Amino acid sequence: PDTRELVLAELHPGIDLDQVRAATGWNLKVSAELGETPA
């Protein structure tokens, strides 16, 4: 809300943070309240 930069808010089931970072071409920021998407 302050910068408008996209932040990871949820991981889908079975996905870990390293996978998402490896699939992102910038230094991805992660929400302090990172959740998991319901299957």
PDB file of all heavy atoms in Angstrom:
ATOM      1  N   PRO A   1       0.804  -1.231   0.000  1.00  0.00           N
ATOM      2  CA  PRO A   1       0.000   0.000   0.000  1.00  0.00           C
ATOM      3  C   PRO A   1       0.831   1.273   0.000  1.00  0.00           C
ATOM      4  O   PRO A   1       0.340   2.324  -0.441  1.00  0.00           O
ATOM      5  CB  PRO A   1      -0.833  -0.116   1.282  1.00  0.00           C
ATOM      6  CG  PRO A   1      -0.123  -1.113   2.131  1.00  0.00           C
ATOM      7  CD  PRO A   1       0.547  -2.056   1.194  1.00  0.00           C
ATOM      8  N   ASP A   2       2.065   1.214   0.457  1.00  0.00           N
ATOM      9  CA  ASP A   2       2.899   2.412   0.523  1.00  0.00           C
ATOM     10  C   ASP A   2       3.767   2.613  -0.709  1.00  0.00           C
ATOM     11  O   ASP A   2       4.028   3.745  -1.118  1.00  0.00           O
ATOM     12  CB  ASP A   2       3.801   2.360   1.766  1.00  0.00           C
ATOM     13  CG  ASP A   2       2.992   2.396   3.055  1.00  0.00           C
ATOM     14  OD1 ASP A   2       1.992   3.137   3.107  1.00  0.00           O
ATOM     15  OD2 ASP A   2       3.359   1.671   3.995  1.00  0.00           O
ATOM     16  N   THR A   3       4.230   1.508  -1.323  1.00  0.00           N
ATOM     17  CA  THR A   3       5.141   1.627  -2.465  1.00  0.00           C
ATOM     18  C   THR A   3       4.521   1.175  -3.776  1.00  0.00           C
ATOM     19  O   THR A   3       5.012   1.540  -4.850  1.00  0.00           O
ATOM     20  CB  THR A   3       6.404   0.794  -2.228  1.00  0.00           C
ATOM     21  OG1 THR A   3       6.053  -0.602  -2.212  1.00  0.00           O
ATOM     22  CG2 THR A   3       7.079   1.179  -0.913  1.00  0.00           C
ATOM     23  N   ARG A   4       3.488   0.363  -3.728  1.00  0.00           N
ATOM     24  CA  ARG A   4       2.828  -0.284  -4.857  1.00  0.00           C
ATOM     25  C   ARG A   4       3.684  -1.379  -5.497  1.00  0.00           C
ATOM     26  O   ARG A   4       3.331  -1.913  -6.546  1.00  0.00           O
ATOM     27  CB  ARG A   4       2.402   0.741  -5.924  1.00  0.00           C
ATOM     28  CG  ARG A   4       1.385   1.770  -5.445  1.00  0.00           C
ATOM     29  CD  ARG A   4       0.071   1.123  -5.071  1.00  0.00           C
ATOM     30  NE  ARG A   4      -0.970   2.105  -4.817  1.00  0.00           N
ATOM     31  CZ  ARG A   4      -1.281   2.582  -3.622  1.00  0.00           C
ATOM     32  NH1 ARG A   4      -0.633   2.138  -2.560  1.00  0.00           N
ATOM     33  NH2 ARG A   4      -2.235   3.470  -3.463  1.00  0.00           N
ATOM     34  N   GLU A   5       4.790  -1.746  -4.879  1.00  0.00           N
ATOM     35  CA  GLU A   5       5.571  -2.871  -5.375  1.00  0.00           C
ATOM     36  C   GLU A   5       4.855  -4.168  -5.011  1.00  0.00           C
ATOM     37  O   GLU A   5       4.326  -4.317  -3.908  1.00  0.00           O
ATOM     38  CB  GLU A   5       6.974  -2.867  -4.768  1.00  0.00           C
ATOM     39  CG  GLU A   5       7.861  -3.987  -5.276  1.00  0.00           C
ATOM     40  CD  GLU A   5       9.292  -3.900  -4.746  1.00  0.00           C
ATOM     41  OE1 GLU A   5       9.727  -2.787  -4.392  1.00  0.00           O
ATOM     42  OE2 GLU A   5       9.956  -4.949  -4.693  1.00  0.00           O
ATOM     43  N   LEU A   6       4.862  -5.132  -5.943  1.00  0.00           N
ATOM     44  CA  LEU A   6       4.189  -6.396  -5.694  1.00  0.00           C
ATOM     45  C   LEU A   6       4.908  -7.186  -4.610  1.00  0.00           C
ATOM     46  O   LEU A   6       6.134  -7.319  -4.624  1.00  0.00           O
ATOM     47  CB  LEU A   6       4.120  -7.220  -6.981  1.00  0.00           C
ATOM     48  CG  LEU A   6       3.211  -6.659  -8.079  1.00  0.00           C
ATOM     49  CD1 LEU A   6       3.345  -7.486  -9.346  1.00  0.00           C
ATOM     50  CD2 LEU A   6       1.753  -6.615  -7.624  1.00  0.00           C
ATOM     51  N   VAL A   7       4.121  -7.729  -3.682  1.00  0.00           N
ATOM     52  CA  VAL A   7       4.634  -8.478  -2.536  1.00  0.00           C
ATOM     53  C   VAL A   7       3.954  -9.839  -2.511  1.00  0.00           C
ATOM     54  O   VAL A   7       2.749  -9.951  -2.758  1.00  0.00           O
ATOM     55  CB  VAL A   7       4.337  -7.713  -1.224  1.00  0.00           C
ATOM     56  CG1 VAL A   7       4.733  -8.531  -0.012  1.00  0.00           C
ATOM     57  CG2 VAL A   7       5.048  -6.360  -1.215  1.00  0.00           C
ATOM     58  N   LEU A   8       4.718 -10.872  -2.237  1.00  0.00           N
ATOM     59  CA  LEU A   8       4.137 -12.206  -2.139  1.00  0.00           C
ATOM     60  C   LEU A   8       3.267 -12.294  -0.891  1.00  0.00           C
ATOM     61  O   LEU A   8       3.740 -12.113   0.231  1.00  0.00           O
ATOM     62  CB  LEU A   8       5.247 -13.260  -2.089  1.00  0.00           C
ATOM     63  CG  LEU A   8       4.780 -14.721  -2.036  1.00  0.00           C
ATOM     64  CD1 LEU A   8       4.063 -15.099  -3.324  1.00  0.00           C
ATOM     65  CD2 LEU A   8       5.959 -15.648  -1.780  1.00  0.00           C
ATOM     66  N   ALA A   9       1.977 -12.594  -1.091  1.00  0.00           N
ATOM     67  CA  ALA A   9       1.026 -12.645   0.019  1.00  0.00           C
ATOM     68  C   ALA A   9       0.645 -14.067   0.400  1.00  0.00           C
ATOM     69  O   ALA A   9       0.349 -14.340   1.566  1.00  0.00           O
ATOM     70  CB  ALA A   9      -0.240 -11.868  -0.336  1.00  0.00           C
ATOM     71  N   GLU A  10       0.633 -14.984  -0.591  1.00  0.00           N
ATOM     72  CA  GLU A  10       0.251 -16.370  -0.326  1.00  0.00           C
ATOM     73  C   GLU A  10       1.088 -17.316  -1.181  1.00  0.00           C
ATOM     74  O   GLU A  10       1.424 -16.999  -2.333  1.00  0.00           O
ATOM     75  CB  GLU A  10      -1.228 -16.616  -0.651  1.00  0.00           C
ATOM     76  CG  GLU A  10      -2.215 -15.886   0.240  1.00  0.00           C
ATOM     77  CD  GLU A  10      -3.658 -16.178  -0.137  1.00  0.00           C
ATOM     78  OE1 GLU A  10      -3.921 -17.254  -0.730  1.00  0.00           O
ATOM     79  OE2 GLU A  10      -4.517 -15.330   0.157  1.00  0.00           O
ATOM     80  N   LEU A  11       1.396 -18.476  -0.632  1.00  0.00           N
ATOM     81  CA  LEU A  11       1.990 -19.573  -1.381  1.00  0.00           C
ATOM     82  C   LEU A  11       0.913 -20.626  -1.629  1.00  0.00           C
ATOM     83  O   LEU A  11       0.107 -20.923  -0.742  1.00  0.00           O
ATOM     84  CB  LEU A  11       3.127 -20.221  -0.587  1.00  0.00           C
ATOM     85  CG  LEU A  11       4.433 -19.425  -0.423  1.00  0.00           C
ATOM     86  CD1 LEU A  11       5.339 -20.129   0.582  1.00  0.00           C
ATOM     87  CD2 LEU A  11       5.139 -19.282  -1.761  1.00  0.00           C
ATOM     88  N   HIS A  12       0.912 -21.192  -2.834  1.00  0.00           N
ATOM     89  CA  HIS A  12      -0.001 -22.304  -3.075  1.00  0.00           C
ATOM     90  C   HIS A  12       0.516 -23.557  -2.361  1.00  0.00           C
ATOM     91  O   HIS A  12       1.716 -23.673  -2.072  1.00  0.00           O
ATOM     92  CB  HIS A  12      -0.111 -22.562  -4.579  1.00  0.00           C
ATOM     93  CG  HIS A  12      -0.758 -21.447  -5.347  1.00  0.00           C
ATOM     94  ND1 HIS A  12      -1.687 -20.600  -4.795  1.00  0.00           N
ATOM     95  CD2 HIS A  12      -0.608 -21.048  -6.646  1.00  0.00           C
ATOM     96  CE1 HIS A  12      -2.091 -19.729  -5.713  1.00  0.00           C
ATOM     97  NE2 HIS A  12      -1.449 -19.977  -6.831  1.00  0.00           N
ATOM     98  N   PRO A  13      -0.360 -24.493  -2.058  1.00  0.00           N
ATOM     99  CA  PRO A  13       0.060 -25.711  -1.362  1.00  0.00           C
ATOM    100  C   PRO A  13       1.201 -26.429  -2.086  1.00  0.00           C
ATOM    101  O   PRO A  13       1.183 -26.578  -3.316  1.00  0.00           O
ATOM    102  CB  PRO A  13      -1.215 -26.572  -1.363  1.00  0.00           C
ATOM    103  CG  PRO A  13      -2.331 -25.587  -1.460  1.00  0.00           C
ATOM    104  CD  PRO A  13      -1.817 -24.477  -2.318  1.00  0.00           C
ATOM    105  N   GLY A  14       2.205 -26.849  -1.321  1.00  0.00           N
ATOM    106  CA  GLY A  14       3.321 -27.588  -1.884  1.00  0.00           C
ATOM    107  C   GLY A  14       4.411 -26.727  -2.506  1.00  0.00           C
ATOM    108  O   GLY A  14       5.428 -27.247  -2.970  1.00  0.00           O
ATOM    109  N   ILE A  15       4.226 -25.415  -2.511  1.00  0.00           N
ATOM    110  CA  ILE A  15       5.219 -24.492  -3.078  1.00  0.00           C
ATOM    111  C   ILE A  15       6.017 -23.869  -1.942  1.00  0.00           C
ATOM    112  O   ILE A  15       5.452 -23.464  -0.923  1.00  0.00           O
ATOM    113  CB  ILE A  15       4.532 -23.378  -3.902  1.00  0.00           C
ATOM    114  CG1 ILE A  15       3.678 -23.990  -5.019  1.00  0.00           C
ATOM    115  CG2 ILE A  15       5.564 -22.417  -4.470  1.00  0.00           C
ATOM    116  CD1 ILE A  15       4.429 -24.808  -6.025  1.00  0.00           C
ATOM    117  N   ASP A  16       7.343 -23.803  -2.110  1.00  0.00           N
ATOM    118  CA  ASP A  16       8.146 -23.149  -1.077  1.00  0.00           C
ATOM    119  C   ASP A  16       8.670 -21.807  -1.585  1.00  0.00           C
ATOM    120  O   ASP A  16       8.651 -21.510  -2.783  1.00  0.00           O
ATOM    121  CB  ASP A  16       9.287 -24.036  -0.573  1.00  0.00           C
ATOM    122  CG  ASP A  16      10.311 -24.384  -1.636  1.00  0.00           C
ATOM    123  OD1 ASP A  16      10.754 -23.480  -2.371  1.00  0.00           O
ATOM    124  OD2 ASP A  16      10.689 -25.572  -1.735  1.00  0.00           O
ATOM    125  N   LEU A  17       9.134 -21.015  -0.656  1.00  0.00           N
ATOM    126  CA  LEU A  17       9.544 -19.643  -0.955  1.00  0.00           C
ATOM    127  C   LEU A  17      10.689 -19.592  -1.952  1.00  0.00           C
ATOM    128  O   LEU A  17      10.732 -18.710  -2.819  1.00  0.00           O
ATOM    129  CB  LEU A  17       9.921 -18.935   0.346  1.00  0.00           C
ATOM    130  CG  LEU A  17      10.137 -17.432   0.311  1.00  0.00           C
ATOM    131  CD1 LEU A  17       8.959 -16.719  -0.332  1.00  0.00           C
ATOM    132  CD2 LEU A  17      10.370 -16.911   1.727  1.00  0.00           C
ATOM    133  N   ASP A  18      11.617 -20.517  -1.869  1.00  0.00           N
ATOM    134  CA  ASP A  18      12.748 -20.521  -2.795  1.00  0.00           C
ATOM    135  C   ASP A  18      12.285 -20.708  -4.234  1.00  0.00           C
ATOM    136  O   ASP A  18      12.857 -20.119  -5.158  1.00  0.00           O
ATOM    137  CB  ASP A  18      13.731 -21.631  -2.423  1.00  0.00           C
ATOM    138  CG  ASP A  18      14.525 -21.309  -1.167  1.00  0.00           C
ATOM    139  OD1 ASP A  18      14.579 -20.116  -0.788  1.00  0.00           O
ATOM    140  OD2 ASP A  18      15.080 -22.246  -0.554  1.00  0.00           O
ATOM    141  N   GLN A  19      11.255 -21.519  -4.462  1.00  0.00           N
ATOM    142  CA  GLN A  19      10.716 -21.702  -5.811  1.00  0.00           C
ATOM    143  C   GLN A  19      10.209 -20.384  -6.380  1.00  0.00           C
ATOM    144  O   GLN A  19      10.440 -20.068  -7.551  1.00  0.00           O
ATOM    145  CB  GLN A  19       9.570 -22.712  -5.790  1.00  0.00           C
ATOM    146  CG  GLN A  19       9.961 -24.155  -5.681  1.00  0.00           C
ATOM    147  CD  GLN A  19       8.733 -25.047  -5.650  1.00  0.00           C
ATOM    148  OE1 GLN A  19       8.223 -25.373  -4.573  1.00  0.00           O
ATOM    149  NE2 GLN A  19       8.234 -25.432  -6.802  1.00  0.00           N
ATOM    150  N   VAL A  20       9.489 -19.643  -5.558  1.00  0.00           N
ATOM    151  CA  VAL A  20       8.908 -18.383  -6.032  1.00  0.00           C
ATOM    152  C   VAL A  20      10.007 -17.365  -6.303  1.00  0.00           C
ATOM    153  O   VAL A  20       9.978 -16.655  -7.320  1.00  0.00           O
ATOM    154  CB  VAL A  20       7.888 -17.838  -5.014  1.00  0.00           C
ATOM    155  CG1 VAL A  20       7.222 -16.584  -5.550  1.00  0.00           C
ATOM    156  CG2 VAL A  20       6.839 -18.886  -4.685  1.00  0.00           C
ATOM    157  N   ARG A  21      10.975 -17.281  -5.428  1.00  0.00           N
ATOM    158  CA  ARG A  21      12.073 -16.334  -5.637  1.00  0.00           C
ATOM    159  C   ARG A  21      12.856 -16.666  -6.903  1.00  0.00           C
ATOM    160  O   ARG A  21      13.254 -15.774  -7.654  1.00  0.00           O
ATOM    161  CB  ARG A  21      12.988 -16.324  -4.414  1.00  0.00           C
ATOM    162  CG  ARG A  21      12.375 -15.571  -3.230  1.00  0.00           C
ATOM    163  CD  ARG A  21      13.295 -15.512  -2.048  1.00  0.00           C
ATOM    164  NE  ARG A  21      12.853 -14.521  -1.076  1.00  0.00           N
ATOM    165  CZ  ARG A  21      12.928 -14.667   0.236  1.00  0.00           C
ATOM    166  NH1 ARG A  21      13.437 -15.788   0.752  1.00  0.00           N
ATOM    167  NH2 ARG A  21      12.512 -13.715   1.044  1.00  0.00           N
ATOM    168  N   ALA A  22      13.069 -17.955  -7.170  1.00  0.00           N
ATOM    169  CA  ALA A  22      13.797 -18.365  -8.364  1.00  0.00           C
ATOM    170  C   ALA A  22      13.021 -18.051  -9.640  1.00  0.00           C
ATOM    171  O   ALA A  22      13.611 -17.890 -10.715  1.00  0.00           O
ATOM    172  CB  ALA A  22      14.110 -19.854  -8.299  1.00  0.00           C
ATOM    173  N   ALA A  23      11.695 -17.950  -9.532  1.00  0.00           N
ATOM    174  CA  ALA A  23      10.843 -17.674 -10.684  1.00  0.00           C
ATOM    175  C   ALA A  23      10.521 -16.200 -10.835  1.00  0.00           C
ATOM    176  O   ALA A  23       9.660 -15.823 -11.637  1.00  0.00           O
ATOM    177  CB  ALA A  23       9.546 -18.472 -10.554  1.00  0.00           C
ATOM    178  N   THR A  24      11.214 -15.346 -10.073  1.00  0.00           N
ATOM    179  CA  THR A  24      10.952 -13.901 -10.081  1.00  0.00           C
ATOM    180  C   THR A  24      12.228 -13.150 -10.435  1.00  0.00           C
ATOM    181  O   THR A  24      13.277 -13.394  -9.851  1.00  0.00           O
ATOM    182  CB  THR A  24      10.449 -13.433  -8.697  1.00  0.00           C
ATOM    183  OG1 THR A  24       9.345 -14.247  -8.304  1.00  0.00           O
ATOM    184  CG2 THR A  24      10.011 -11.975  -8.741  1.00  0.00           C
ATOM    185  N   GLY A  25      12.126 -12.243 -11.392  1.00  0.00           N
ATOM    186  CA  GLY A  25      13.299 -11.535 -11.888  1.00  0.00           C
ATOM    187  C   GLY A  25      13.677 -10.299 -11.110  1.00  0.00           C
ATOM    188  O   GLY A  25      14.405  -9.449 -11.626  1.00  0.00           O
ATOM    189  N   TRP A  26      13.181 -10.182  -9.907  1.00  0.00           N
ATOM    190  CA  TRP A  26      13.609  -9.096  -9.027  1.00  0.00           C
ATOM    191  C   TRP A  26      13.671  -9.636  -7.595  1.00  0.00           C
ATOM    192  O   TRP A  26      13.254 -10.771  -7.346  1.00  0.00           O
ATOM    193  CB  TRP A  26      12.674  -7.884  -9.122  1.00  0.00           C
ATOM    194  CG  TRP A  26      11.292  -8.068  -8.554  1.00  0.00           C
ATOM    195  CD1 TRP A  26      10.903  -7.899  -7.259  1.00  0.00           C
ATOM    196  CD2 TRP A  26      10.088  -8.436  -9.266  1.00  0.00           C
ATOM    197  NE1 TRP A  26       9.557  -8.143  -7.112  1.00  0.00           N
ATOM    198  CE2 TRP A  26       9.034  -8.474  -8.323  1.00  0.00           C
ATOM    199  CE3 TRP A  26       9.820  -8.724 -10.603  1.00  0.00           C
ATOM    200  CZ2 TRP A  26       7.738  -8.786  -8.691  1.00  0.00           C
ATOM    201  CZ3 TRP A  26       8.522  -9.056 -10.969  1.00  0.00           C
ATOM    202  CH2 TRP A  26       7.498  -9.082 -10.015  1.00  0.00           C
ATOM    203  N   ASN A  27      14.207  -8.846  -6.701  1.00  0.00           N
ATOM    204  CA  ASN A  27      14.324  -9.259  -5.306  1.00  0.00           C
ATOM    205  C   ASN A  27      12.946  -9.173  -4.660  1.00  0.00           C
ATOM    206  O   ASN A  27      12.545  -8.137  -4.146  1.00  0.00           O
ATOM    207  CB  ASN A  27      15.332  -8.370  -4.571  1.00  0.00           C
ATOM    208  CG  ASN A  27      15.581  -8.833  -3.145  1.00  0.00           C
ATOM    209  OD1 ASN A  27      15.278  -9.968  -2.784  1.00  0.00           O
ATOM    210  ND2 ASN A  27      16.129  -7.945  -2.327  1.00  0.00           N
ATOM    211  N   LEU A  28      12.238 -10.293  -4.696  1.00  0.00           N
ATOM    212  CA  LEU A  28      10.839 -10.328  -4.286  1.00  0.00           C
ATOM    213  C   LEU A  28      10.687 -10.102  -2.794  1.00  0.00           C
ATOM    214  O   LEU A  28      11.337 -10.760  -1.982  1.00  0.00           O
ATOM    215  CB  LEU A  28      10.228 -11.679  -4.659  1.00  0.00           C
ATOM    216  CG  LEU A  28       8.753 -11.895  -4.308  1.00  0.00           C
ATOM    217  CD1 LEU A  28       7.864 -10.946  -5.103  1.00  0.00           C
ATOM    218  CD2 LEU A  28       8.365 -13.347  -4.568  1.00  0.00           C
ATOM    219  N   LYS A  29       9.797  -9.183  -2.435  1.00  0.00           N
ATOM    220  CA  LYS A  29       9.482  -8.957  -1.034  1.00  0.00           C
ATOM    221  C   LYS A  29       8.349  -9.883  -0.615  1.00  0.00           C
ATOM    222  O   LYS A  29       7.479 -10.230  -1.421  1.00  0.00           O
ATOM    223  CB  LYS A  29       9.111  -7.493  -0.805  1.00  0.00           C
ATOM    224  CG  LYS A  29      10.284  -6.548  -1.047  1.00  0.00           C
ATOM    225  CD  LYS A  29       9.914  -5.099  -0.806  1.00  0.00           C
ATOM    226  CE  LYS A  29      11.122  -4.196  -1.037  1.00  0.00           C
ATOM    227  NZ  LYS A  29      10.784  -2.761  -0.889  1.00  0.00           N
ATOM    228  N   VAL A  30       8.361 -10.274   0.639  1.00  0.00           N
ATOM    229  CA  VAL A  30       7.410 -11.255   1.157  1.00  0.00           C
ATOM    230  C   VAL A  30       6.644 -10.646   2.318  1.00  0.00           C
ATOM    231  O   VAL A  30       7.228 -10.001   3.193  1.00  0.00           O
ATOM    232  CB  VAL A  30       8.140 -12.532   1.621  1.00  0.00           C
ATOM    233  CG1 VAL A  30       7.157 -13.545   2.183  1.00  0.00           C
ATOM    234  CG2 VAL A  30       8.933 -13.137   0.466  1.00  0.00           C
ATOM    235  N   SER A  31       5.339 -10.848   2.320  1.00  0.00           N
ATOM    236  CA  SER A  31       4.509 -10.324   3.394  1.00  0.00           C
ATOM    237  C   SER A  31       4.908 -10.937   4.731  1.00  0.00           C
ATOM    238  O   SER A  31       5.215 -12.128   4.824  1.00  0.00           O
ATOM    239  CB  SER A  31       3.039 -10.638   3.107  1.00  0.00           C
ATOM    240  OG  SER A  31       2.229 -10.335   4.219  1.00  0.00           O
ATOM    241  N   ALA A  32       4.867 -10.104   5.762  1.00  0.00           N
ATOM    242  CA  ALA A  32       5.130 -10.605   7.114  1.00  0.00           C
ATOM    243  C   ALA A  32       4.048 -11.578   7.557  1.00  0.00           C
ATOM    244  O   ALA A  32       4.252 -12.361   8.491  1.00  0.00           O
ATOM    245  CB  ALA A  32       5.207  -9.428   8.090  1.00  0.00           C
ATOM    246  N   GLU A  33       2.902 -11.548   6.878  1.00  0.00           N
ATOM    247  CA  GLU A  33       1.787 -12.440   7.198  1.00  0.00           C
ATOM    248  C   GLU A  33       1.549 -13.417   6.047  1.00  0.00           C
ATOM    249  O   GLU A  33       0.412 -13.680   5.651  1.00  0.00           O
ATOM    250  CB  GLU A  33       0.533 -11.625   7.498  1.00  0.00           C
ATOM    251  CG  GLU A  33       0.703 -10.673   8.683  1.00  0.00           C
ATOM    252  CD  GLU A  33      -0.509  -9.797   8.918  1.00  0.00           C
ATOM    253  OE1 GLU A  33      -1.456  -9.839   8.092  1.00  0.00           O
ATOM    254  OE2 GLU A  33      -0.522  -9.072   9.928  1.00  0.00           O
ATOM    255  N   LEU A  34       2.634 -13.960   5.499  1.00  0.00           N
ATOM    256  CA  LEU A  34       2.535 -14.879   4.374  1.00  0.00           C
ATOM    257  C   LEU A  34       1.618 -16.050   4.710  1.00  0.00           C
ATOM    258  O   LEU A  34       1.805 -16.731   5.721  1.00  0.00           O
ATOM    259  CB  LEU A  34       3.935 -15.390   4.012  1.00  0.00           C
ATOM    260  CG  LEU A  34       4.024 -16.370   2.834  1.00  0.00           C
ATOM    261  CD1 LEU A  34       3.613 -15.690   1.538  1.00  0.00           C
ATOM    262  CD2 LEU A  34       5.444 -16.920   2.718  1.00  0.00           C
ATOM    263  N   GLY A  35       0.639 -16.267   3.843  1.00  0.00           N
ATOM    264  CA  GLY A  35      -0.315 -17.344   4.071  1.00  0.00           C
ATOM    265  C   GLY A  35      -0.206 -18.440   3.030  1.00  0.00           C
ATOM    266  O   GLY A  35       0.636 -18.386   2.126  1.00  0.00           O
ATOM    267  N   GLU A  36      -1.078 -19.432   3.159  1.00  0.00           N
ATOM    268  CA  GLU A  36      -1.148 -20.513   2.169  1.00  0.00           C
ATOM    269  C   GLU A  36      -2.530 -20.509   1.538  1.00  0.00           C
ATOM    270  O   GLU A  36      -3.551 -20.459   2.233  1.00  0.00           O
ATOM    271  CB  GLU A  36      -0.881 -21.866   2.809  1.00  0.00           C
ATOM    272  CG  GLU A  36      -0.921 -23.008   1.787  1.00  0.00           C
ATOM    273  CD  GLU A  36      -0.561 -24.358   2.368  1.00  0.00           C
ATOM    274  OE1 GLU A  36       0.643 -24.669   2.420  1.00  0.00           O
ATOM    275  OE2 GLU A  36      -1.491 -25.094   2.787  1.00  0.00           O
ATOM    276  N   THR A  37      -2.564 -20.550   0.221  1.00  0.00           N
ATOM    277  CA  THR A  37      -3.822 -20.601  -0.508  1.00  0.00           C
ATOM    278  C   THR A  37      -4.536 -21.920  -0.212  1.00  0.00           C
ATOM    279  O   THR A  37      -3.910 -22.978  -0.274  1.00  0.00           O
ATOM    280  CB  THR A  37      -3.558 -20.521  -2.024  1.00  0.00           C
ATOM    281  OG1 THR A  37      -2.643 -19.465  -2.298  1.00  0.00           O
ATOM    282  CG2 THR A  37      -4.847 -20.298  -2.783  1.00  0.00           C
ATOM    283  N   PRO A  38      -5.811 -21.889   0.121  1.00  0.00           N
ATOM    284  CA  PRO A  38      -6.540 -23.149   0.300  1.00  0.00           C
ATOM    285  C   PRO A  38      -6.536 -23.967  -0.990  1.00  0.00           C
ATOM    286  O   PRO A  38      -6.683 -23.420  -2.091  1.00  0.00           O
ATOM    287  CB  PRO A  38      -7.958 -22.687   0.658  1.00  0.00           C
ATOM    288  CG  PRO A  38      -7.788 -21.306   1.203  1.00  0.00           C
ATOM    289  CD  PRO A  38      -6.649 -20.715   0.444  1.00  0.00           C
ATOM    290  N   ALA A  39      -6.337 -25.251  -0.871  1.00  0.00           N
ATOM    291  CA  ALA A  39      -6.330 -26.133  -2.040  1.00  0.00           C
ATOM    292  C   ALA A  39      -7.709 -26.145  -2.705  1.00  0.00           C
ATOM    293  O   ALA A  39      -8.733 -25.871  -2.067  1.00  0.00           O
ATOM    294  CB  ALA A  39      -5.946 -27.547  -1.609  1.00  0.00           C
TER     295      ALA A  39
END
